[in-house]
Protein backbone atom coordinates (compact mmCIF):
# COMPACT_ATOMS: atom_id res chain seq x y z
CA MET A 1 -286.25 -64.63 -30.83
CA LYS A 2 -285.24 -68.34 -31.11
CA ARG A 3 -281.55 -69.33 -31.69
CA ASN A 4 -280.15 -72.59 -32.60
CA ILE A 5 -277.65 -74.20 -30.20
CA GLY A 6 -274.49 -75.57 -31.89
CA ALA A 7 -272.42 -78.52 -30.56
CA THR A 8 -269.37 -76.60 -29.94
CA ILE A 9 -269.24 -72.82 -29.84
CA THR A 10 -266.55 -70.82 -31.51
CA LEU A 11 -268.55 -67.43 -31.64
CA SER A 12 -266.29 -64.93 -32.97
CA ILE A 13 -263.25 -67.05 -32.07
CA THR A 14 -262.73 -68.63 -35.71
CA ILE A 15 -262.86 -65.22 -37.30
CA ALA A 16 -260.74 -63.62 -34.66
CA MET A 17 -258.06 -66.52 -35.13
CA ALA A 18 -258.03 -65.97 -38.84
CA LEU A 19 -257.14 -62.42 -38.21
CA LEU A 20 -254.68 -63.39 -35.60
CA ILE A 21 -252.87 -65.86 -37.96
CA SER A 22 -252.73 -63.21 -40.72
CA PHE A 23 -251.04 -61.00 -38.11
CA ALA A 24 -248.56 -63.76 -37.10
CA ARG A 25 -247.65 -64.45 -40.75
CA SER A 26 -246.82 -60.66 -41.15
CA PHE A 27 -244.28 -61.34 -38.45
CA ALA A 28 -242.94 -64.10 -40.59
CA GLN A 29 -242.39 -61.75 -43.49
CA ASP A 30 -239.89 -59.85 -41.33
CA ALA A 31 -237.94 -63.15 -40.77
CA ALA A 32 -235.63 -64.37 -43.43
CA VAL A 33 -236.19 -67.98 -42.43
CA LEU A 34 -238.73 -69.71 -40.28
CA PRO A 35 -237.97 -71.56 -38.41
CA PRO A 36 -234.86 -69.69 -37.68
CA PRO A 37 -231.38 -71.47 -37.99
CA THR A 38 -230.47 -73.18 -34.84
CA ASP A 39 -226.98 -71.95 -34.93
CA GLN A 40 -226.54 -68.29 -35.61
CA PRO A 41 -223.42 -67.14 -37.41
CA PHE A 42 -220.98 -65.38 -35.18
CA LYS A 43 -220.77 -61.64 -36.01
CA GLY A 44 -218.00 -60.75 -33.60
CA LYS A 45 -214.21 -60.83 -33.89
CA ILE A 46 -211.73 -63.29 -32.53
CA GLY A 47 -208.31 -61.95 -32.22
CA LEU A 48 -205.03 -63.09 -30.80
CA THR A 49 -205.91 -61.71 -27.28
CA TYR A 50 -209.23 -60.45 -25.76
CA LYS A 51 -208.19 -56.93 -26.47
CA ASP A 52 -208.14 -57.71 -30.13
CA SER A 53 -211.62 -59.55 -29.93
CA THR A 54 -215.28 -58.34 -30.14
CA PRO A 55 -217.84 -60.55 -28.50
CA ASN A 56 -221.17 -60.97 -30.09
CA PHE A 57 -223.96 -63.13 -28.47
CA PRO A 58 -226.86 -64.82 -30.44
CA ALA A 59 -229.72 -62.46 -30.95
CA ILE A 60 -232.71 -63.19 -28.47
CA LYS A 61 -235.98 -63.23 -30.51
CA LEU A 62 -238.69 -60.96 -29.33
CA PRO A 63 -241.95 -60.02 -30.82
CA PRO A 64 -242.41 -56.73 -32.74
CA LYS A 65 -242.92 -53.71 -30.64
CA GLY A 66 -246.59 -53.33 -29.89
CA ALA A 67 -247.45 -57.06 -30.55
CA PRO A 68 -250.69 -57.87 -28.71
CA ASN A 69 -251.09 -60.44 -25.91
CA VAL A 70 -253.59 -62.94 -26.79
CA LEU A 71 -256.06 -64.84 -24.40
CA LEU A 72 -258.11 -67.30 -26.35
CA ILE A 73 -260.96 -69.07 -24.45
CA LEU A 74 -262.99 -72.07 -26.11
CA LEU A 75 -266.16 -73.24 -24.44
CA ASP A 76 -267.06 -76.82 -25.20
CA ASP A 77 -270.73 -77.55 -25.96
CA VAL A 78 -272.03 -74.01 -25.23
CA GLY A 79 -274.61 -72.93 -27.81
CA PHE A 80 -274.43 -69.57 -29.75
CA GLY A 81 -277.61 -68.34 -28.13
CA ASN A 82 -276.90 -69.65 -24.48
CA THR A 83 -275.25 -66.59 -23.16
CA SER A 84 -276.78 -63.15 -22.37
CA THR A 85 -274.17 -61.76 -24.77
CA PHE A 86 -276.15 -63.05 -27.61
CA GLY A 87 -279.67 -62.89 -26.13
CA GLY A 88 -279.52 -65.97 -24.18
CA PRO A 89 -280.73 -66.80 -20.66
CA ILE A 90 -277.65 -67.60 -19.04
CA GLN A 91 -276.24 -64.37 -17.37
CA THR A 92 -272.54 -63.76 -18.44
CA PRO A 93 -271.82 -60.25 -17.38
CA THR A 94 -267.99 -60.51 -17.93
CA LEU A 95 -268.55 -61.60 -21.48
CA ASP A 96 -271.15 -58.89 -22.09
CA ARG A 97 -268.55 -56.50 -20.70
CA LEU A 98 -265.90 -57.55 -23.17
CA ALA A 99 -268.30 -57.57 -26.02
CA LYS A 100 -269.50 -53.92 -25.39
CA SER A 101 -265.83 -52.77 -25.86
CA GLY A 102 -265.21 -55.20 -28.74
CA LEU A 103 -266.96 -56.99 -31.66
CA ARG A 104 -269.74 -59.49 -31.92
CA TYR A 105 -270.06 -61.74 -34.84
CA ASN A 106 -273.19 -63.62 -35.70
CA ASN A 107 -272.18 -65.53 -38.83
CA PHE A 108 -269.30 -68.06 -38.48
CA HIS A 109 -268.21 -71.53 -39.51
CA VAL A 110 -268.27 -74.33 -36.97
CA THR A 111 -267.21 -77.91 -37.47
CA ALA A 112 -269.60 -79.09 -34.61
CA LEU A 113 -267.07 -81.55 -33.13
CA CYS A 114 -264.30 -81.27 -30.41
CA SER A 115 -261.14 -82.27 -32.31
CA PRO A 116 -261.86 -80.78 -35.61
CA THR A 117 -262.86 -77.61 -34.07
CA ARG A 118 -259.57 -77.44 -32.04
CA ALA A 119 -257.52 -78.28 -35.25
CA ALA A 120 -259.28 -75.56 -37.39
CA LEU A 121 -258.94 -73.00 -34.68
CA LEU A 122 -255.19 -73.59 -34.11
CA THR A 123 -254.18 -73.76 -37.81
CA GLY A 124 -256.66 -71.36 -39.55
CA ARG A 125 -257.36 -74.19 -42.00
CA ASN A 126 -260.28 -76.38 -42.80
CA HIS A 127 -260.29 -79.46 -40.39
CA HIS A 128 -259.86 -81.97 -43.13
CA ALA A 129 -256.86 -79.96 -44.27
CA ALA A 130 -255.48 -80.25 -40.86
CA GLY A 131 -255.89 -83.98 -40.93
CA THR A 132 -258.74 -83.94 -38.37
CA GLY A 133 -262.04 -84.76 -39.90
CA MET A 134 -263.29 -86.53 -36.69
CA VAL A 135 -262.78 -86.72 -33.06
CA MET A 136 -259.64 -88.69 -31.92
CA GLU A 137 -261.52 -91.59 -30.51
CA ILE A 138 -262.80 -92.59 -34.12
CA ALA A 139 -260.11 -91.79 -36.54
CA ALA A 140 -260.39 -93.47 -40.01
CA GLY A 141 -257.46 -94.65 -42.31
CA TYR A 142 -258.31 -92.08 -45.03
CA PRO A 143 -256.68 -88.74 -45.89
CA GLY A 144 -258.19 -85.99 -43.72
CA TYR A 145 -259.36 -88.57 -41.08
CA PHE A 146 -256.07 -89.84 -39.66
CA ASP A 147 -256.51 -87.54 -36.85
CA MET A 148 -252.79 -86.84 -37.06
CA MET A 149 -252.27 -83.19 -37.61
CA PRO A 150 -249.20 -82.92 -40.17
CA LYS A 151 -246.29 -80.74 -39.61
CA SER A 152 -247.14 -78.85 -42.78
CA THR A 153 -250.06 -77.28 -40.98
CA ALA A 154 -248.32 -75.05 -38.41
CA THR A 155 -250.31 -73.92 -35.51
CA ILE A 156 -250.74 -70.34 -34.46
CA ALA A 157 -248.81 -71.18 -31.26
CA GLU A 158 -245.80 -72.36 -33.22
CA ILE A 159 -245.77 -69.29 -35.54
CA LEU A 160 -245.97 -66.97 -32.50
CA ARG A 161 -243.34 -68.93 -30.59
CA LEU A 162 -240.97 -68.69 -33.33
CA ASN A 163 -241.45 -64.76 -33.31
CA GLY A 164 -240.61 -64.61 -29.55
CA TYR A 165 -244.00 -65.18 -27.82
CA SER A 166 -244.42 -67.08 -24.69
CA THR A 167 -247.12 -69.72 -25.18
CA ALA A 168 -249.26 -71.91 -22.95
CA ALA A 169 -252.27 -74.24 -23.25
CA PHE A 170 -254.79 -75.15 -20.39
CA GLY A 171 -257.52 -77.48 -20.23
CA LYS A 172 -259.05 -79.87 -22.74
CA TRP A 173 -256.47 -80.74 -25.61
CA HIS A 174 -258.29 -83.55 -27.47
CA GLN A 175 -255.86 -83.54 -30.37
CA VAL A 176 -253.55 -86.67 -29.48
CA PRO A 177 -254.23 -89.81 -31.33
CA MET A 178 -255.51 -92.63 -29.10
CA TRP A 179 -252.23 -94.71 -29.75
CA GLU A 180 -250.13 -91.72 -28.62
CA SER A 181 -252.05 -90.97 -25.43
CA SER A 182 -249.65 -92.27 -22.81
CA VAL A 183 -246.51 -91.40 -20.98
CA ALA A 184 -244.54 -93.51 -23.47
CA GLY A 185 -245.34 -90.83 -26.23
CA PRO A 186 -244.48 -90.00 -28.92
CA PHE A 187 -245.40 -86.43 -28.01
CA ASP A 188 -245.35 -84.77 -31.39
CA HIS A 189 -249.20 -84.14 -31.10
CA TRP A 190 -249.24 -83.14 -27.58
CA ALA A 191 -249.50 -79.48 -26.91
CA THR A 192 -245.82 -79.15 -26.28
CA GLY A 193 -245.13 -80.80 -29.54
CA LEU A 194 -247.46 -78.28 -31.38
CA GLY A 195 -245.93 -74.85 -30.31
CA PHE A 196 -246.97 -74.51 -26.71
CA GLU A 197 -244.05 -74.20 -24.23
CA TYR A 198 -246.28 -75.12 -21.26
CA PHE A 199 -249.42 -77.39 -21.09
CA TYR A 200 -251.69 -78.02 -18.01
CA GLY A 201 -254.80 -80.13 -18.87
CA PHE A 202 -256.12 -83.31 -19.96
CA LEU A 203 -255.84 -85.14 -23.32
CA GLY A 204 -259.36 -86.82 -23.93
CA GLY A 205 -262.64 -85.44 -24.94
CA MET A 206 -263.83 -85.25 -21.22
CA THR A 207 -262.85 -86.00 -17.72
CA GLN A 208 -264.07 -85.56 -14.20
CA GLN A 209 -264.39 -82.15 -12.60
CA TYR A 210 -263.34 -83.44 -9.08
CA THR A 211 -260.73 -86.17 -9.84
CA PRO A 212 -259.59 -85.46 -13.38
CA ASN A 213 -256.93 -87.25 -15.36
CA LEU A 214 -254.47 -84.26 -15.83
CA TYR A 215 -251.08 -83.74 -17.19
CA GLU A 216 -248.46 -80.98 -16.68
CA GLY A 217 -246.42 -81.07 -19.86
CA THR A 218 -246.25 -84.68 -20.37
CA THR A 219 -246.13 -85.63 -16.77
CA PRO A 220 -249.40 -87.19 -15.06
CA ILE A 221 -250.38 -85.22 -12.00
CA GLU A 222 -252.93 -85.33 -9.30
CA PRO A 223 -253.54 -81.98 -8.03
CA TYR A 224 -256.87 -82.92 -6.36
CA PHE A 225 -255.19 -85.15 -3.93
CA ASN A 226 -256.11 -84.25 -0.36
CA LYS A 227 -258.01 -81.29 -1.47
CA LYS A 228 -261.64 -81.40 -0.31
CA ASN A 229 -263.02 -78.54 -2.53
CA TYR A 230 -261.05 -79.24 -5.63
CA TYR A 231 -262.76 -78.27 -8.89
CA LEU A 232 -261.15 -78.54 -12.32
CA THR A 233 -262.45 -75.41 -13.99
CA THR A 234 -261.38 -73.19 -11.07
CA ASP A 235 -258.01 -74.90 -11.16
CA MET A 236 -257.44 -74.50 -14.83
CA ALA A 237 -258.38 -70.78 -14.61
CA ASP A 238 -256.08 -70.12 -11.41
CA LYS A 239 -253.14 -71.90 -13.27
CA ALA A 240 -253.54 -69.72 -16.38
CA ILE A 241 -253.69 -66.48 -14.32
CA THR A 242 -250.61 -67.66 -12.45
CA TRP A 243 -248.77 -68.27 -15.77
CA ILE A 244 -249.89 -64.96 -17.18
CA ARG A 245 -248.57 -63.03 -13.98
CA ALA A 246 -245.28 -64.94 -14.25
CA GLN A 247 -244.75 -63.87 -17.95
CA HIS A 248 -245.34 -60.17 -17.00
CA SER A 249 -243.02 -60.21 -13.94
CA VAL A 250 -240.17 -62.21 -15.38
CA ALA A 251 -240.34 -61.08 -19.07
CA PRO A 252 -242.63 -58.03 -19.41
CA GLN A 253 -241.08 -57.36 -22.89
CA LYS A 254 -242.49 -60.61 -24.32
CA ALA A 255 -246.19 -60.87 -25.55
CA PHE A 256 -247.86 -64.13 -24.76
CA LEU A 257 -250.57 -66.55 -26.15
CA CYS A 258 -252.72 -68.11 -23.58
CA LEU A 259 -255.19 -70.79 -24.60
CA LEU A 260 -257.89 -71.87 -22.18
CA ARG A 261 -260.15 -74.62 -23.36
CA THR A 262 -262.80 -75.97 -20.85
CA ARG A 263 -264.27 -79.49 -20.74
CA ARG A 264 -267.92 -80.17 -21.86
CA SER A 265 -270.29 -77.82 -19.99
CA ALA A 266 -272.93 -79.35 -18.00
CA CYS A 267 -275.14 -78.42 -15.02
CA THR A 268 -274.94 -79.88 -11.63
CA PRO A 269 -278.23 -80.39 -9.80
CA SER A 270 -277.83 -77.29 -7.93
CA SER A 271 -276.75 -75.32 -10.85
CA SER A 272 -279.69 -76.78 -12.93
CA GLU A 273 -282.09 -75.27 -10.30
CA GLY A 274 -280.40 -71.78 -10.67
CA VAL A 275 -280.59 -71.99 -14.42
CA GLY A 276 -284.16 -72.99 -14.23
CA ARG A 277 -285.04 -70.06 -12.19
CA GLU A 278 -283.14 -67.92 -14.57
CA ILE A 279 -285.32 -69.06 -17.47
CA GLN A 280 -288.46 -68.72 -15.65
CA GLY A 281 -287.66 -65.29 -14.84
CA ALA A 282 -286.83 -64.58 -18.46
CA VAL A 283 -290.17 -66.02 -19.58
CA ARG A 284 -291.97 -63.87 -16.96
CA ARG A 285 -290.27 -60.84 -18.55
CA GLY A 286 -291.58 -61.81 -21.81
CA VAL A 287 -288.31 -63.29 -23.27
CA GLU A 288 -288.80 -66.36 -25.33
CA PRO A 289 -286.71 -69.17 -24.12
CA VAL A 290 -284.02 -70.93 -26.11
CA SER A 291 -285.19 -73.93 -27.91
């Protein structure tokens, strides 16, 4: 059966994020004010001596008991029907295994562009309402197309962070206006300005896999220097795993939100040959190739 290939895949992610945002907003209903007041009122007692006094430390915000950890993966330029999970020729056994124990959706909304998809995904809103009608490089001076996400459209990362989650983003960001994409800032639209406490990735729509233009937080870095076998996708995954392990070891009582977004998917000459062999094998088995 033929399946159409979208420019940017969200699979079940958009629906899942809508459910997650509803879950996050239920957190907010338990809070009297969001964001919480910076200076909490002192609820202890100050007497003439320490014997007459009662200490009271500001409360540490933690997620509700049983709050889920969230690992969100967005694959750039991977069609809905590419993966074996949805009948495609590219074997993705890990995705298949996850899908068998979860849910698969076959009807979803997609913006078909990098930056708008990211804005809609993080806010749970239409991409125009999130001020990102086009990719960052071709912003226009009209409402919905400024490509400057307004503060009124809070991200899921900001909502969860204010409710005690640890938050981190890895990989392709592509939500910073061109005139803000330098070490001079401002950094309001960088990941660390939109609810993510940690960021490891790149700002633009694409970068090299072998010598990428990367940032850690807002600091330029060159992790590939003197590393012969450096590969960006592997590096991002390793960094995400290291961050998750650190959260579990240091603060196991805190839930986390980890966002991993890859660069554009492409085949190297060697991988193209492998994909070609897979498709040929699928055809021989009577499976119609993806058009």
